[in-house]
């Protein structure tokens, strides 16, 4: 109930202000809402264009592998006319069927995350009340609603973790006293160095805390 009421409060705050107000700023691209004392960052989650594309590709690709693999068993009477090819074709059919079934499982997992919109939510920073609220949707079950609440005075810094290389990763964290680092961005967001530096600088300025780079 605590999470539900907080979620309703955020929605009412977002739609309750006039877009012409001089005391608020609405960024439709980043899905964030700001005023002089409140910053609400909306998180997209799993319903991204890239996830939809991969889900479609995996589904139709694995379906093709499965159809080709099963067709080898359906046509075994014809292949029996060529005994020399039987040893090669049937093992390939088994392998292709295995890849097709595995691909369907992965595709189903992606479609489930998209349907449940796993990872979506919001980050709410309230300087007036001195409270930070982080909400995320998870998988169905005990952790379907993930809600974290911190005091703003316990925020020590905004931390940027950068790992360059083939699999570059740039993640933004919030260092909490006694709680450790809380991630504010996903590892698969692929933010450019300029984007994550700008976001970290704006958030650190709003919270009045330093920035650390690792």
Protein backbone atom coordinates (compact mmCIF):
# COMPACT_ATOMS: atom_id res chain seq x y z
CA UNK A 1 0.00 0.00 0.00
CA UNK A 2 2.88 2.29 0.67
CA UNK A 3 4.22 1.90 -2.85
CA UNK A 4 0.80 2.26 -4.47
CA UNK A 5 0.01 5.51 -2.70
CA UNK A 6 3.42 6.88 -3.60
CA UNK A 7 2.90 5.94 -7.24
CA UNK A 8 -0.47 7.71 -7.32
CA UNK A 9 1.12 10.77 -5.73
CA UNK A 10 3.77 10.95 -8.45
CA UNK A 11 1.17 10.65 -11.23
CA UNK A 12 -0.99 13.38 -9.72
CA UNK A 13 2.01 15.66 -9.32
CA UNK A 14 3.08 15.07 -12.91
CA UNK A 15 -0.28 15.81 -14.50
CA UNK A 16 -1.42 18.39 -11.96
CA UNK A 17 0.97 21.18 -13.02
CA UNK A 18 0.47 23.48 -15.95
CA UNK A 19 2.98 23.12 -18.77
CA UNK A 20 3.25 26.90 -18.95
CA UNK A 21 4.42 27.25 -15.36
CA UNK A 22 7.73 29.04 -14.93
CA UNK A 23 8.61 26.92 -11.90
CA UNK A 24 8.71 23.60 -13.64
CA UNK A 25 10.58 21.99 -16.51
CA UNK A 26 9.34 19.01 -18.52
CA UNK A 27 11.76 17.00 -20.62
CA UNK A 28 9.76 14.72 -22.91
CA UNK A 29 12.86 13.07 -24.36
CA UNK A 30 14.34 11.98 -21.02
CA UNK A 31 10.91 11.62 -19.38
CA UNK A 32 11.82 13.78 -16.41
CA UNK A 33 9.91 16.43 -14.49
CA UNK A 34 11.56 19.18 -12.46
CA UNK A 35 10.57 22.06 -10.26
CA UNK A 36 12.52 24.18 -7.81
CA UNK A 37 12.34 21.54 -5.08
CA UNK A 38 11.31 18.27 -6.81
CA UNK A 39 12.96 16.20 -9.51
CA UNK A 40 11.13 13.13 -10.88
CA UNK A 41 12.97 10.92 -13.34
CA UNK A 42 10.80 8.38 -15.17
CA UNK A 43 12.51 5.10 -16.12
CA UNK A 44 11.50 3.40 -19.37
CA UNK A 45 12.28 -0.19 -18.38
CA UNK A 46 12.04 -3.15 -20.76
CA UNK A 47 9.62 -1.60 -23.24
CA UNK A 48 12.34 -0.25 -25.48
CA UNK A 49 12.55 -0.39 -29.26
CA UNK A 50 15.68 -2.54 -29.15
CA UNK A 51 13.97 -5.14 -26.95
CA UNK A 52 10.98 -5.32 -29.31
CA UNK A 53 13.33 -5.80 -32.28
CA UNK A 54 15.34 -8.54 -30.60
CA UNK A 55 12.18 -10.31 -29.43
CA UNK A 56 10.81 -10.38 -33.00
CA UNK A 57 14.14 -11.47 -34.51
CA UNK A 58 14.64 -14.26 -31.99
CA UNK A 59 11.07 -15.49 -32.34
CA UNK A 60 11.01 -15.72 -36.14
CA UNK A 61 14.64 -16.90 -36.36
CA UNK A 62 14.18 -19.69 -33.82
CA UNK A 63 10.87 -20.63 -35.43
CA UNK A 64 12.69 -21.04 -38.75
CA UNK A 65 15.37 -23.23 -37.14
CA UNK A 66 12.70 -25.36 -35.50
CA UNK A 67 10.76 -25.84 -38.73
CA UNK A 68 13.89 -26.82 -40.67
CA UNK A 69 14.94 -29.21 -37.90
CA UNK A 70 11.58 -30.95 -37.64
CA UNK A 71 11.28 -31.20 -41.42
CA UNK A 72 14.25 -33.58 -41.39
CA UNK A 73 12.24 -36.09 -39.40
CA UNK A 74 9.12 -35.65 -41.52
CA UNK A 75 11.10 -36.32 -44.68
CA UNK A 76 13.07 -39.32 -43.45
CA UNK A 77 11.31 -41.63 -45.91
CA UNK A 78 12.68 -39.62 -48.81
CA UNK A 79 16.16 -39.44 -47.31
CA UNK A 80 16.23 -43.21 -46.84
CA UNK A 81 16.77 -43.41 -50.61
CA UNK A 82 20.18 -41.80 -50.04
CA UNK A 83 21.81 -43.73 -47.18
CA UNK A 84 25.11 -41.88 -47.59
CA UNK A 85 23.46 -38.57 -46.60
CA UNK A 86 21.46 -39.93 -43.67
CA UNK A 87 24.37 -39.70 -41.23
CA UNK A 88 24.92 -36.02 -41.98
CA UNK A 89 21.39 -34.71 -42.28
CA UNK A 90 19.69 -36.10 -39.16
CA UNK A 91 22.28 -34.87 -36.63
CA UNK A 92 22.03 -31.41 -38.23
CA UNK A 93 18.26 -31.56 -37.84
CA UNK A 94 18.62 -32.34 -34.13
CA UNK A 95 21.03 -29.43 -33.63
CA UNK A 96 18.81 -26.99 -35.52
CA UNK A 97 15.77 -28.11 -33.53
CA UNK A 98 17.72 -27.56 -30.31
CA UNK A 99 18.69 -24.04 -31.38
CA UNK A 100 15.09 -23.34 -32.35
CA UNK A 101 13.71 -24.45 -28.98
CA UNK A 102 16.39 -22.50 -27.09
CA UNK A 103 15.64 -19.41 -29.15
CA UNK A 104 11.93 -19.69 -28.41
CA UNK A 105 12.66 -19.84 -24.68
CA UNK A 106 14.83 -16.71 -24.88
CA UNK A 107 12.23 -14.95 -27.01
CA UNK A 108 9.50 -15.86 -24.51
CA UNK A 109 11.63 -14.43 -21.71
CA UNK A 110 12.04 -11.14 -23.59
CA UNK A 111 8.32 -10.91 -24.31
CA UNK A 112 7.55 -11.52 -20.62
CA UNK A 113 9.89 -8.72 -19.53
CA UNK A 114 8.28 -6.43 -22.10
CA UNK A 115 4.75 -7.38 -21.00
CA UNK A 116 5.56 -6.82 -17.32
CA UNK A 117 7.72 -3.79 -18.17
CA UNK A 118 10.45 -4.97 -15.82
CA UNK A 119 12.83 -2.23 -14.70
CA UNK A 120 10.44 0.65 -15.27
CA UNK A 121 9.58 3.10 -12.52
CA UNK A 122 10.74 6.47 -11.28
CA UNK A 123 13.31 8.27 -9.13
CA UNK A 124 11.87 11.06 -6.98
CA UNK A 125 14.11 13.64 -5.31
CA UNK A 126 12.33 16.03 -2.96
CA UNK A 127 14.50 18.77 -1.47
CA UNK A 128 11.57 20.27 0.42
CA UNK A 129 10.88 17.09 2.40
CA UNK A 130 14.49 15.90 2.24
CA UNK A 131 13.49 12.48 0.90
CA UNK A 132 14.59 10.35 -2.07
CA UNK A 133 12.22 7.64 -3.36
CA UNK A 134 13.20 4.99 -5.89
CA UNK A 135 10.52 2.74 -7.37
CA UNK A 136 10.94 -0.11 -9.87
CA UNK A 137 8.67 -2.79 -11.32
CA UNK A 138 10.14 -6.29 -11.06
CA UNK A 139 9.02 -9.78 -12.01
CA UNK A 140 5.70 -11.07 -10.63
CA UNK A 141 6.00 -12.36 -7.11
CA UNK A 142 7.44 -11.05 -3.88
CA UNK A 143 9.62 -8.42 -5.55
CA UNK A 144 7.07 -7.21 -8.10
CA UNK A 145 7.14 -3.73 -6.51
CA UNK A 146 10.57 -2.52 -5.39
CA UNK A 147 10.45 0.64 -3.31
CA UNK A 148 13.45 2.30 -1.65
CA UNK A 149 13.34 5.40 0.52
CA UNK A 150 16.33 7.43 1.73
CA UNK A 151 16.97 10.67 3.53
CA UNK A 152 18.60 13.25 1.30
CA UNK A 153 21.09 14.16 4.02
CA UNK A 154 22.48 10.61 3.80
CA UNK A 155 23.48 11.04 0.14
CA UNK A 156 27.26 11.37 0.08
CA UNK A 157 27.91 11.72 -3.65
CA UNK A 158 26.87 10.92 -7.21
CA UNK A 159 29.22 8.33 -8.66
CA UNK A 160 30.01 7.58 -12.30
CA UNK A 161 31.41 4.13 -13.03
CA UNK A 162 33.07 3.84 -16.44
CA UNK A 163 34.45 0.67 -18.02
CA UNK A 164 35.81 1.12 -21.52
CA UNK A 165 36.53 -1.62 -24.03
CA UNK A 166 34.55 -3.85 -26.35
CA UNK A 167 31.69 -4.01 -23.85
CA UNK A 168 31.77 -0.44 -22.59
CA UNK A 169 29.63 0.29 -19.56
CA UNK A 170 28.72 3.62 -17.99
CA UNK A 171 26.51 3.49 -14.91
CA UNK A 172 25.35 6.27 -12.60
CA UNK A 173 25.20 5.51 -8.88
CA UNK A 174 24.06 7.34 -5.78
CA UNK A 175 26.30 6.76 -2.76
CA UNK A 176 24.20 6.42 0.42
CA UNK A 177 25.71 6.53 3.89
CA UNK A 178 25.42 3.09 5.47
CA UNK A 179 23.69 1.63 2.40
CA UNK A 180 26.38 1.62 -0.27
CA UNK A 181 25.90 2.52 -3.94
CA UNK A 182 22.40 2.51 -5.44
CA UNK A 183 22.28 2.35 -9.28
CA UNK A 184 20.25 5.06 -11.01
CA UNK A 185 20.77 3.87 -14.59
CA UNK A 186 20.75 0.46 -16.22
CA UNK A 187 23.91 -1.17 -17.53
CA UNK A 188 22.31 -1.58 -20.98
CA UNK A 189 21.28 2.05 -21.46
CA UNK A 190 24.43 2.78 -23.50
CA UNK A 191 24.66 6.42 -22.50
CA UNK A 192 27.39 8.44 -24.19
CA UNK A 193 30.10 9.98 -21.97
CA UNK A 194 28.59 13.42 -22.53
CA UNK A 195 25.07 12.29 -21.63
CA UNK A 196 26.03 10.56 -18.39
CA UNK A 197 28.34 13.43 -17.37
CA UNK A 198 25.58 15.97 -17.97
CA UNK A 199 23.05 13.90 -16.06
CA UNK A 200 25.46 13.41 -13.16
CA UNK A 201 26.33 17.12 -13.05
CA UNK A 202 22.67 18.22 -13.05
CA UNK A 203 21.69 15.70 -10.37
CA UNK A 204 24.69 16.55 -8.18
CA UNK A 205 23.89 20.25 -8.48
CA UNK A 206 20.24 19.60 -7.56
CA UNK A 207 21.19 17.46 -4.54
CA UNK A 208 24.20 19.64 -3.66
CA UNK A 209 26.61 16.74 -3.43
CA UNK A 210 29.99 16.08 -5.11
CA UNK A 211 30.66 13.85 -8.13
CA UNK A 212 33.00 10.87 -8.06
CA UNK A 213 34.34 9.04 -11.13
CA UNK A 214 35.59 5.43 -11.00
